[in-house]
Each structure stands twice: as C-alpha cells, then as structure tokens.
Amino acid sequence: MNVFDVLLNADYDLEIRGGDFVIGESTEQHQALLLYTNKGEWRQAPEVGIGIVEMLLDDASGVGIASEIQQQLELDGQQIMALRLSPQGALHLEGYYKDTDE
C-alpha cells in the first residue's frame, strides 16, 4: 500500500515547491525517520524510535539492531520483506505498509 505524506528534503526540512508543501509517497521517509530518531523524541509516542546511530556507535550486535528495526517498523504498520545488516553497517531494507482494509 502506498502511503502519502508531506515530504522532507535531504536536510529533513519541509520540502516546498512554488510556495506549497510537497506531498508524495513517504514509506522510505518514514523508515528513515524511525531509524534516525531515538526513543523519547516523538512526544506523542515516546517508545518510538530506533536510534541506529547510537546503536552502531555502541557496537550493538547485528542481530539486536535488526530485531529492533523489525519491531519498530512492524509497530508502525509495515510488512518487512527483507532486512539485512552487513558487518560494515550497510542496511538493506525492503518494507511496505500493510493495507488495513484487508
């Protein structure tokens, strides 16, 4: 299922074109925001956030990181098709939002 939202630019600021907010498919944007934010940064849901940078800096295990990513994205309503984290820290992630009308 495609999910549409207000888009952010590369600096995570609002994307504005012609004086208007840009709306577009936002699944990858949602994944990135969940990956980069830490628990407690989402005021409405303080348990949301993966904090991938801190996890990598703390030398968390690859299995632990993958498990946290999977759990957080599934809590957000996504179906994860592929999730791999290389020993060098490269992440391969394929997921989409489940259709709630099924």
PDB file of N, CA and C in Angstrom:
ATOM      1  N   MET A   1       0.849  -1.180   0.000  1.00  0.00           N
ATOM      2  CA  MET A   1       0.000   0.000   0.000  1.00  0.00           C
ATOM      3  C   MET A   1       0.890   1.237   0.000  1.00  0.00           C
ATOM      4  N   ASN A   2       0.620   2.158  -0.871  1.00  0.00           N
ATOM      5  CA  ASN A   2       1.349   3.417  -0.898  1.00  0.00           C
ATOM      6  C   ASN A   2       0.826   4.345   0.180  1.00  0.00           C
ATOM      7  N   VAL A   3       1.750   5.026   0.839  1.00  0.00           N
ATOM      8  CA  VAL A   3       1.407   5.978   1.890  1.00  0.00           C
ATOM      9  C   VAL A   3       1.896   7.349   1.449  1.00  0.00           C
ATOM     10  N   PHE A   4       1.033   8.347   1.535  1.00  0.00           N
ATOM     11  CA  PHE A   4       1.387   9.704   1.112  1.00  0.00           C
ATOM     12  C   PHE A   4       1.391  10.626   2.315  1.00  0.00           C
ATOM     13  N   ASP A   5       2.373  11.530   2.323  1.00  0.00           N
ATOM     14  CA  ASP A   5       2.549  12.449   3.442  1.00  0.00           C
ATOM     15  C   ASP A   5       3.290  13.674   2.918  1.00  0.00           C
ATOM     16  N   VAL A   6       3.428  14.683   3.759  1.00  0.00           N
ATOM     17  CA  VAL A   6       4.260  15.839   3.447  1.00  0.00           C
ATOM     18  C   VAL A   6       5.698  15.344   3.393  1.00  0.00           C
ATOM     19  N   LEU A   7       6.426  15.708   2.341  1.00  0.00           N
ATOM     20  CA  LEU A   7       7.790  15.230   2.173  1.00  0.00           C
ATOM     21  C   LEU A   7       8.806  16.197   2.776  1.00  0.00           C
ATOM     22  N   LEU A   8       9.932  15.624   3.174  1.00  0.00           N
ATOM     23  CA  LEU A   8      11.048  16.389   3.705  1.00  0.00           C
ATOM     24  C   LEU A   8      12.183  16.351   2.696  1.00  0.00           C
ATOM     25  N   ASN A   9      13.059  17.376   2.738  1.00  0.00           N
ATOM     26  CA  ASN A   9      14.207  17.379   1.839  1.00  0.00           C
ATOM     27  C   ASN A   9      15.378  16.636   2.491  1.00  0.00           C
ATOM     28  N   ALA A  10      16.541  16.675   1.857  1.00  0.00           N
ATOM     29  CA  ALA A  10      17.717  15.945   2.340  1.00  0.00           C
ATOM     30  C   ALA A  10      18.170  16.410   3.718  1.00  0.00           C
ATOM     31  N   ASP A  11      17.805  17.642   4.094  1.00  0.00           N
ATOM     32  CA  ASP A  11      18.159  18.184   5.410  1.00  0.00           C
ATOM     33  C   ASP A  11      17.051  17.955   6.439  1.00  0.00           C
ATOM     34  N   TYR A  12      16.071  17.143   6.094  1.00  0.00           N
ATOM     35  CA  TYR A  12      14.910  16.850   6.945  1.00  0.00           C
ATOM     36  C   TYR A  12      14.125  18.109   7.297  1.00  0.00           C
ATOM     37  N   ASP A  13      14.073  19.031   6.356  1.00  0.00           N
ATOM     38  CA  ASP A  13      13.247  20.224   6.468  1.00  0.00           C
ATOM     39  C   ASP A  13      12.087  20.051   5.486  1.00  0.00           C
ATOM     40  N   LEU A  14      11.011  20.786   5.669  1.00  0.00           N
ATOM     41  CA  LEU A  14       9.861  20.658   4.775  1.00  0.00           C
ATOM     42  C   LEU A  14      10.257  20.931   3.333  1.00  0.00           C
ATOM     43  N   GLU A  15       9.815  20.065   2.440  1.00  0.00           N
ATOM     44  CA  GLU A  15      10.038  20.251   1.003  1.00  0.00           C
ATOM     45  C   GLU A  15       8.962  21.203   0.506  1.00  0.00           C
ATOM     46  N   ILE A  16       9.398  22.339  -0.060  1.00  0.00           N
ATOM     47  CA  ILE A  16       8.454  23.347  -0.547  1.00  0.00           C
ATOM     48  C   ILE A  16       8.809  23.671  -1.990  1.00  0.00           C
ATOM     49  N   ARG A  17       7.804  23.611  -2.855  1.00  0.00           N
ATOM     50  CA  ARG A  17       7.968  23.977  -4.265  1.00  0.00           C
ATOM     51  C   ARG A  17       6.854  24.933  -4.650  1.00  0.00           C
ATOM     52  N   GLY A  18       7.230  26.025  -5.260  1.00  0.00           N
ATOM     53  CA  GLY A  18       6.229  27.009  -5.683  1.00  0.00           C
ATOM     54  C   GLY A  18       5.424  27.544  -4.524  1.00  0.00           C
ATOM     55  N   GLY A  19       6.017  27.568  -3.334  1.00  0.00           N
ATOM     56  CA  GLY A  19       5.327  28.085  -2.155  1.00  0.00           C
ATOM     57  C   GLY A  19       4.392  27.093  -1.483  1.00  0.00           C
ATOM     58  N   ASP A  20       4.355  25.852  -1.960  1.00  0.00           N
ATOM     59  CA  ASP A  20       3.458  24.850  -1.394  1.00  0.00           C
ATOM     60  C   ASP A  20       4.245  23.659  -0.846  1.00  0.00           C
ATOM     61  N   PHE A  21       3.685  23.014   0.157  1.00  0.00           N
ATOM     62  CA  PHE A  21       4.261  21.773   0.665  1.00  0.00           C
ATOM     63  C   PHE A  21       4.181  20.715  -0.429  1.00  0.00           C
ATOM     64  N   VAL A  22       5.175  19.845  -0.477  1.00  0.00           N
ATOM     65  CA  VAL A  22       5.192  18.767  -1.452  1.00  0.00           C
ATOM     66  C   VAL A  22       4.649  17.508  -0.784  1.00  0.00           C
ATOM     67  N   ILE A  23       3.677  16.892  -1.419  1.00  0.00           N
ATOM     68  CA  ILE A  23       3.084  15.644  -0.945  1.00  0.00           C
ATOM     69  C   ILE A  23       3.560  14.531  -1.867  1.00  0.00           C
ATOM     70  N   GLY A  24       3.905  13.383  -1.278  1.00  0.00           N
ATOM     71  CA  GLY A  24       4.336  12.267  -2.109  1.00  0.00           C
ATOM     72  C   GLY A  24       4.393  10.978  -1.324  1.00  0.00           C
ATOM     73  N   GLU A  25       4.757   9.894  -2.011  1.00  0.00           N
ATOM     74  CA  GLU A  25       4.880   8.585  -1.371  1.00  0.00           C
ATOM     75  C   GLU A  25       5.985   8.689  -0.324  1.00  0.00           C
ATOM     76  N   SER A  26       5.700   8.258   0.899  1.00  0.00           N
ATOM     77  CA  SER A  26       6.587   8.574   2.021  1.00  0.00           C
ATOM     78  C   SER A  26       7.056   7.376   2.832  1.00  0.00           C
ATOM     79  N   THR A  27       6.909   6.159   2.319  1.00  0.00           N
ATOM     80  CA  THR A  27       7.310   4.987   3.095  1.00  0.00           C
ATOM     81  C   THR A  27       8.785   5.047   3.466  1.00  0.00           C
ATOM     82  N   GLU A  28       9.662   5.319   2.499  1.00  0.00           N
ATOM     83  CA  GLU A  28      11.091   5.379   2.800  1.00  0.00           C
ATOM     84  C   GLU A  28      11.411   6.514   3.767  1.00  0.00           C
ATOM     85  N   GLN A  29      10.709   7.617   3.658  1.00  0.00           N
ATOM     86  CA  GLN A  29      10.907   8.728   4.583  1.00  0.00           C
ATOM     87  C   GLN A  29      10.528   8.310   5.998  1.00  0.00           C
ATOM     88  N   HIS A  30       9.428   7.610   6.153  1.00  0.00           N
ATOM     89  CA  HIS A  30       9.008   7.137   7.474  1.00  0.00           C
ATOM     90  C   HIS A  30      10.038   6.178   8.046  1.00  0.00           C
ATOM     91  N   GLN A  31      10.560   5.284   7.199  1.00  0.00           N
ATOM     92  CA  GLN A  31      11.584   4.341   7.654  1.00  0.00           C
ATOM     93  C   GLN A  31      12.822   5.087   8.133  1.00  0.00           C
ATOM     94  N   ALA A  32      13.259   6.078   7.367  1.00  0.00           N
ATOM     95  CA  ALA A  32      14.447   6.850   7.735  1.00  0.00           C
ATOM     96  C   ALA A  32      14.238   7.587   9.052  1.00  0.00           C
ATOM     97  N   LEU A  33      13.068   8.196   9.215  1.00  0.00           N
ATOM     98  CA  LEU A  33      12.806   8.922  10.460  1.00  0.00           C
ATOM     99  C   LEU A  33      12.809   7.983  11.662  1.00  0.00           C
ATOM    100  N   LEU A  34      12.225   6.809  11.510  1.00  0.00           N
ATOM    101  CA  LEU A  34      12.245   5.839  12.606  1.00  0.00           C
ATOM    102  C   LEU A  34      13.662   5.361  12.895  1.00  0.00           C
ATOM    103  N   LEU A  35      14.457   5.155  11.854  1.00  0.00           N
ATOM    104  CA  LEU A  35      15.833   4.700  12.037  1.00  0.00           C
ATOM    105  C   LEU A  35      16.678   5.732  12.780  1.00  0.00           C
ATOM    106  N   TYR A  36      16.575   6.995  12.405  1.00  0.00           N
ATOM    107  CA  TYR A  36      17.459   8.020  12.945  1.00  0.00           C
ATOM    108  C   TYR A  36      17.021   8.606  14.276  1.00  0.00           C
ATOM    109  N   THR A  37      15.744   8.542  14.602  1.00  0.00           N
ATOM    110  CA  THR A  37      15.292   9.130  15.858  1.00  0.00           C
ATOM    111  C   THR A  37      15.446   8.142  17.011  1.00  0.00           C
ATOM    112  N   ASN A  38      15.597   8.697  18.195  1.00  0.00           N
ATOM    113  CA  ASN A  38      15.749   7.898  19.412  1.00  0.00           C
ATOM    114  C   ASN A  38      14.426   7.836  20.159  1.00  0.00           C
ATOM    115  N   LYS A  39      14.298   6.835  20.978  1.00  0.00           N
ATOM    116  CA  LYS A  39      13.117   6.761  21.847  1.00  0.00           C
ATOM    117  C   LYS A  39      13.054   8.048  22.674  1.00  0.00           C
ATOM    118  N   GLY A  40      11.851   8.582  22.794  1.00  0.00           N
ATOM    119  CA  GLY A  40      11.649   9.812  23.544  1.00  0.00           C
ATOM    120  C   GLY A  40      11.599  11.059  22.683  1.00  0.00           C
ATOM    121  N   GLU A  41      11.988  10.965  21.418  1.00  0.00           N
ATOM    122  CA  GLU A  41      11.966  12.138  20.542  1.00  0.00           C
ATOM    123  C   GLU A  41      10.595  12.388  19.920  1.00  0.00           C
ATOM    124  N   TRP A  42       9.740  11.375  19.908  1.00  0.00           N
ATOM    125  CA  TRP A  42       8.377  11.531  19.395  1.00  0.00           C
ATOM    126  C   TRP A  42       7.483  11.769  20.611  1.00  0.00           C
ATOM    127  N   ARG A  43       7.105  12.990  20.829  1.00  0.00           N
ATOM    128  CA  ARG A  43       6.357  13.367  22.031  1.00  0.00           C
ATOM    129  C   ARG A  43       5.072  12.561  22.212  1.00  0.00           C
ATOM    130  N   GLN A  44       4.363  12.293  21.116  1.00  0.00           N
ATOM    131  CA  GLN A  44       3.091  11.578  21.197  1.00  0.00           C
ATOM    132  C   GLN A  44       3.295  10.082  21.446  1.00  0.00           C
ATOM    133  N   ALA A  45       4.482   9.570  21.170  1.00  0.00           N
ATOM    134  CA  ALA A  45       4.756   8.141  21.328  1.00  0.00           C
ATOM    135  C   ALA A  45       6.224   7.968  21.753  1.00  0.00           C
ATOM    136  N   PRO A  46       6.521   8.168  23.018  1.00  0.00           N
ATOM    137  CA  PRO A  46       7.918   8.157  23.462  1.00  0.00           C
ATOM    138  C   PRO A  46       8.640   6.825  23.307  1.00  0.00           C
ATOM    139  N   GLU A  47       7.925   5.750  23.063  1.00  0.00           N
ATOM    140  CA  GLU A  47       8.569   4.444  22.881  1.00  0.00           C
ATOM    141  C   GLU A  47       8.988   4.202  21.425  1.00  0.00           C
ATOM    142  N   VAL A  48       8.699   5.150  20.539  1.00  0.00           N
ATOM    143  CA  VAL A  48       9.003   5.024  19.118  1.00  0.00           C
ATOM    144  C   VAL A  48      10.393   5.584  18.829  1.00  0.00           C
ATOM    145  N   GLY A  49      11.126   4.883  17.988  1.00  0.00           N
ATOM    146  CA  GLY A  49      12.450   5.321  17.555  1.00  0.00           C
ATOM    147  C   GLY A  49      13.454   4.197  17.695  1.00  0.00           C
ATOM    148  N   ILE A  50      14.360   4.128  16.744  1.00  0.00           N
ATOM    149  CA  ILE A  50      15.356   3.062  16.737  1.00  0.00           C
ATOM    150  C   ILE A  50      16.704   3.566  17.235  1.00  0.00           C
ATOM    151  N   GLY A  51      17.094   4.767  16.852  1.00  0.00           N
ATOM    152  CA  GLY A  51      18.385   5.307  17.265  1.00  0.00           C
ATOM    153  C   GLY A  51      19.551   4.532  16.672  1.00  0.00           C
ATOM    154  N   ILE A  52      19.518   4.323  15.363  1.00  0.00           N
ATOM    155  CA  ILE A  52      20.504   3.484  14.682  1.00  0.00           C
ATOM    156  C   ILE A  52      21.928   4.003  14.866  1.00  0.00           C
ATOM    157  N   VAL A  53      22.122   5.310  14.864  1.00  0.00           N
ATOM    158  CA  VAL A  53      23.472   5.864  15.007  1.00  0.00           C
ATOM    159  C   VAL A  53      24.060   5.471  16.350  1.00  0.00           C
ATOM    160  N   GLU A  54      23.295   5.646  17.422  1.00  0.00           N
ATOM    161  CA  GLU A  54      23.781   5.287  18.743  1.00  0.00           C
ATOM    162  C   GLU A  54      24.018   3.787  18.871  1.00  0.00           C
ATOM    163  N   MET A  55      23.137   2.998  18.253  1.00  0.00           N
ATOM    164  CA  MET A  55      23.309   1.548  18.308  1.00  0.00           C
ATOM    165  C   MET A  55      24.611   1.129  17.631  1.00  0.00           C
ATOM    166  N   LEU A  56      24.917   1.727  16.485  1.00  0.00           N
ATOM    167  CA  LEU A  56      26.159   1.396  15.786  1.00  0.00           C
ATOM    168  C   LEU A  56      27.382   1.886  16.561  1.00  0.00           C
ATOM    169  N   LEU A  57      27.283   3.081  17.141  1.00  0.00           N
ATOM    170  CA  LEU A  57      28.409   3.604  17.928  1.00  0.00           C
ATOM    171  C   LEU A  57      28.652   2.799  19.198  1.00  0.00           C
ATOM    172  N   ASP A  58      27.588   2.208  19.740  1.00  0.00           N
ATOM    173  CA  ASP A  58      27.715   1.389  20.949  1.00  0.00           C
ATOM    174  C   ASP A  58      28.098  -0.050  20.633  1.00  0.00           C
ATOM    175  N   ASP A  59      28.379  -0.343  19.363  1.00  0.00           N
ATOM    176  CA  ASP A  59      28.742  -1.696  18.945  1.00  0.00           C
ATOM    177  C   ASP A  59      27.677  -2.722  19.306  1.00  0.00           C
ATOM    178  N   ALA A  60      26.408  -2.343  19.143  1.00  0.00           N
ATOM    179  CA  ALA A  60      25.317  -3.294  19.374  1.00  0.00           C
ATOM    180  C   ALA A  60      25.438  -4.429  18.366  1.00  0.00           C
ATOM    181  N   SER A  61      24.969  -5.597  18.741  1.00  0.00           N
ATOM    182  CA  SER A  61      25.055  -6.747  17.849  1.00  0.00           C
ATOM    183  C   SER A  61      24.153  -6.538  16.633  1.00  0.00           C
ATOM    184  N   GLY A  62      24.576  -7.105  15.502  1.00  0.00           N
ATOM    185  CA  GLY A  62      23.769  -7.013  14.289  1.00  0.00           C
ATOM    186  C   GLY A  62      22.393  -7.615  14.469  1.00  0.00           C
ATOM    187  N   VAL A  63      22.323  -8.714  15.210  1.00  0.00           N
ATOM    188  CA  VAL A  63      21.032  -9.362  15.464  1.00  0.00           C
ATOM    189  C   VAL A  63      20.140  -8.440  16.297  1.00  0.00           C
ATOM    190  N   GLY A  64      20.718  -7.791  17.292  1.00  0.00           N
ATOM    191  CA  GLY A  64      19.946  -6.875  18.138  1.00  0.00           C
ATOM    192  C   GLY A  64      19.440  -5.678  17.367  1.00  0.00           C
ATOM    193  N   ILE A  65      20.290  -5.148  16.501  1.00  0.00           N
ATOM    194  CA  ILE A  65      19.895  -4.000  15.686  1.00  0.00           C
ATOM    195  C   ILE A  65      18.775  -4.405  14.731  1.00  0.00           C
ATOM    196  N   ALA A  66      18.949  -5.512  14.037  1.00  0.00           N
ATOM    197  CA  ALA A  66      17.931  -5.978  13.088  1.00  0.00           C
ATOM    198  C   ALA A  66      16.610  -6.246  13.792  1.00  0.00           C
ATOM    199  N   SER A  67      16.676  -6.823  14.972  1.00  0.00           N
ATOM    200  CA  SER A  67      15.460  -7.111  15.735  1.00  0.00           C
ATOM    201  C   SER A  67      14.727  -5.825  16.108  1.00  0.00           C
ATOM    202  N   GLU A  68      15.470  -4.811  16.551  1.00  0.00           N
ATOM    203  CA  GLU A  68      14.852  -3.525  16.925  1.00  0.00           C
ATOM    204  C   GLU A  68      14.238  -2.852  15.702  1.00  0.00           C
ATOM    205  N   ILE A  69      14.936  -2.891  14.574  1.00  0.00           N
ATOM    206  CA  ILE A  69      14.405  -2.293  13.349  1.00  0.00           C
ATOM    207  C   ILE A  69      13.105  -2.983  12.955  1.00  0.00           C
ATOM    208  N   GLN A  70      13.128  -4.304  12.923  1.00  0.00           N
ATOM    209  CA  GLN A  70      11.934  -5.071  12.538  1.00  0.00           C
ATOM    210  C   GLN A  70      10.768  -4.742  13.474  1.00  0.00           C
ATOM    211  N   GLN A  71      11.011  -4.748  14.769  1.00  0.00           N
ATOM    212  CA  GLN A  71       9.958  -4.499  15.751  1.00  0.00           C
ATOM    213  C   GLN A  71       9.357  -3.101  15.574  1.00  0.00           C
ATOM    214  N   GLN A  72      10.209  -2.091  15.444  1.00  0.00           N
ATOM    215  CA  GLN A  72       9.707  -0.720  15.328  1.00  0.00           C
ATOM    216  C   GLN A  72       8.914  -0.505  14.036  1.00  0.00           C
ATOM    217  N   LEU A  73       9.405  -1.049  12.932  1.00  0.00           N
ATOM    218  CA  LEU A  73       8.693  -0.866  11.662  1.00  0.00           C
ATOM    219  C   LEU A  73       7.368  -1.622  11.651  1.00  0.00           C
ATOM    220  N   GLU A  74       7.342  -2.801  12.244  1.00  0.00           N
ATOM    221  CA  GLU A  74       6.082  -3.536  12.328  1.00  0.00           C
ATOM    222  C   GLU A  74       5.086  -2.817  13.234  1.00  0.00           C
ATOM    223  N   LEU A  75       5.557  -2.226  14.322  1.00  0.00           N
ATOM    224  CA  LEU A  75       4.664  -1.442  15.188  1.00  0.00           C
ATOM    225  C   LEU A  75       4.088  -0.237  14.446  1.00  0.00           C
ATOM    226  N   ASP A  76       4.835   0.246  13.458  1.00  0.00           N
ATOM    227  CA  ASP A  76       4.375   1.373  12.646  1.00  0.00           C
ATOM    228  C   ASP A  76       3.414   0.927  11.543  1.00  0.00           C
ATOM    229  N   GLY A  77       3.191  -0.391  11.416  1.00  0.00           N
ATOM    230  CA  GLY A  77       2.234  -0.900  10.441  1.00  0.00           C
ATOM    231  C   GLY A  77       2.861  -1.417   9.164  1.00  0.00           C
ATOM    232  N   GLN A  78       4.176  -1.631   9.155  1.00  0.00           N
ATOM    233  CA  GLN A  78       4.834  -2.082   7.946  1.00  0.00           C
ATOM    234  C   GLN A  78       5.041  -3.591   7.933  1.00  0.00           C
ATOM    235  N   GLN A  79       5.040  -4.139   6.740  1.00  0.00           N
ATOM    236  CA  GLN A  79       5.383  -5.535   6.495  1.00  0.00           C
ATOM    237  C   GLN A  79       6.808  -5.525   5.962  1.00  0.00           C
ATOM    238  N   ILE A  80       7.723  -6.216   6.628  1.00  0.00           N
ATOM    239  CA  ILE A  80       9.123  -6.240   6.232  1.00  0.00           C
ATOM    240  C   ILE A  80       9.362  -7.453   5.338  1.00  0.00           C
ATOM    241  N   MET A  81       9.834  -7.203   4.129  1.00  0.00           N
ATOM    242  CA  MET A  81      10.105  -8.267   3.170  1.00  0.00           C
ATOM    243  C   MET A  81      11.567  -8.705   3.232  1.00  0.00           C
ATOM    244  N   ALA A  82      12.472  -7.764   3.466  1.00  0.00           N
ATOM    245  CA  ALA A  82      13.900  -8.080   3.547  1.00  0.00           C
ATOM    246  C   ALA A  82      14.562  -7.108   4.513  1.00  0.00           C
ATOM    247  N   LEU A  83      15.458  -7.655   5.336  1.00  0.00           N
ATOM    248  CA  LEU A  83      16.198  -6.825   6.301  1.00  0.00           C
ATOM    249  C   LEU A  83      17.543  -7.484   6.525  1.00  0.00           C
ATOM    250  N   ARG A  84      18.593  -6.819   6.043  1.00  0.00           N
ATOM    251  CA  ARG A  84      19.947  -7.343   6.230  1.00  0.00           C
ATOM    252  C   ARG A  84      20.857  -6.203   6.672  1.00  0.00           C
ATOM    253  N   LEU A  85      21.714  -6.500   7.622  1.00  0.00           N
ATOM    254  CA  LEU A  85      22.708  -5.546   8.101  1.00  0.00           C
ATOM    255  C   LEU A  85      24.073  -6.203   7.939  1.00  0.00           C
ATOM    256  N   SER A  86      24.925  -5.599   7.109  1.00  0.00           N
ATOM    257  CA  SER A  86      26.245  -6.180   6.872  1.00  0.00           C
ATOM    258  C   SER A  86      27.156  -5.899   8.068  1.00  0.00           C
ATOM    259  N   PRO A  87      28.247  -6.649   8.205  1.00  0.00           N
ATOM    260  CA  PRO A  87      29.199  -6.387   9.286  1.00  0.00           C
ATOM    261  C   PRO A  87      29.789  -4.972   9.227  1.00  0.00           C
ATOM    262  N   GLN A  88      29.788  -4.366   8.042  1.00  0.00           N
ATOM    263  CA  GLN A  88      30.281  -2.993   7.888  1.00  0.00           C
ATOM    264  C   GLN A  88      29.211  -1.950   8.224  1.00  0.00           C
ATOM    265  N   GLY A  89      28.001  -2.387   8.509  1.00  0.00           N
ATOM    266  CA  GLY A  89      26.926  -1.476   8.889  1.00  0.00           C
ATOM    267  C   GLY A  89      25.995  -1.065   7.770  1.00  0.00           C
ATOM    268  N   ALA A  90      26.148  -1.629   6.575  1.00  0.00           N
ATOM    269  CA  ALA A  90      25.248  -1.306   5.464  1.00  0.00           C
ATOM    270  C   ALA A  90      23.904  -1.994   5.698  1.00  0.00           C
ATOM    271  N   LEU A  91      22.845  -1.244   5.540  1.00  0.00           N
ATOM    272  CA  LEU A  91      21.497  -1.757   5.785  1.00  0.00           C
ATOM    273  C   LEU A  91      20.757  -1.920   4.470  1.00  0.00           C
ATOM    274  N   HIS A  92      20.187  -3.088   4.260  1.00  0.00           N
ATOM    275  CA  HIS A  92      19.285  -3.338   3.129  1.00  0.00           C
ATOM    276  C   HIS A  92      17.913  -3.591   3.730  1.00  0.00           C
ATOM    277  N   LEU A  93      16.955  -2.745   3.379  1.00  0.00           N
ATOM    278  CA  LEU A  93      15.624  -2.823   3.967  1.00  0.00           C
ATOM    279  C   LEU A  93      14.575  -2.700   2.875  1.00  0.00           C
ATOM    280  N   GLU A  94      13.659  -3.654   2.846  1.00  0.00           N
ATOM    281  CA  GLU A  94      12.504  -3.593   1.949  1.00  0.00           C
ATOM    282  C   GLU A  94      11.263  -3.810   2.798  1.00  0.00           C
ATOM    283  N   GLY A  95      10.383  -2.835   2.773  1.00  0.00           N
ATOM    284  CA  GLY A  95       9.149  -2.945   3.531  1.00  0.00           C
ATOM    285  C   GLY A  95       8.081  -2.049   2.944  1.00  0.00           C
ATOM    286  N   TYR A  96       6.872  -2.328   3.308  1.00  0.00           N
ATOM    287  CA  TYR A  96       5.746  -1.533   2.838  1.00  0.00           C
ATOM    288  C   TYR A  96       4.668  -1.543   3.912  1.00  0.00           C
ATOM    289  N   TYR A  97       3.767  -0.588   3.835  1.00  0.00           N
ATOM    290  CA  TYR A  97       2.656  -0.525   4.782  1.00  0.00           C
ATOM    291  C   TYR A  97       1.581  -1.514   4.365  1.00  0.00           C
ATOM    292  N   LYS A  98       1.107  -2.271   5.335  1.00  0.00           N
ATOM    293  CA  LYS A  98       0.042  -3.239   5.092  1.00  0.00           C
ATOM    294  C   LYS A  98      -1.261  -2.477   4.847  1.00  0.00           C
ATOM    295  N   ASP A  99      -2.077  -3.031   3.983  1.00  0.00           N
ATOM    296  CA  ASP A  99      -3.385  -2.445   3.718  1.00  0.00           C
ATOM    297  C   ASP A  99      -4.296  -2.791   4.886  1.00  0.00           C
ATOM    298  N   THR A 100      -4.782  -1.804   5.591  1.00  0.00           N
ATOM    299  CA  THR A 100      -5.605  -2.039   6.770  1.00  0.00           C
ATOM    300  C   THR A 100      -7.040  -2.398   6.420  1.00  0.00           C
ATOM    301  N   ASP A 101      -7.407  -2.313   5.122  1.00  0.00           N
ATOM    302  CA  ASP A 101      -8.777  -2.636   4.705  1.00  0.00           C
ATOM    303  C   ASP A 101      -8.954  -4.120   4.403  1.00  0.00           C
ATOM    304  N   GLU A 102      -7.878  -4.899   4.508  1.00  0.00           N
ATOM    305  CA  GLU A 102      -7.980  -6.333   4.189  1.00  0.00           C
ATOM    306  C   GLU A 102      -8.683  -7.093   5.279  1.00  0.00           C
TER     307      GLU A 102
END
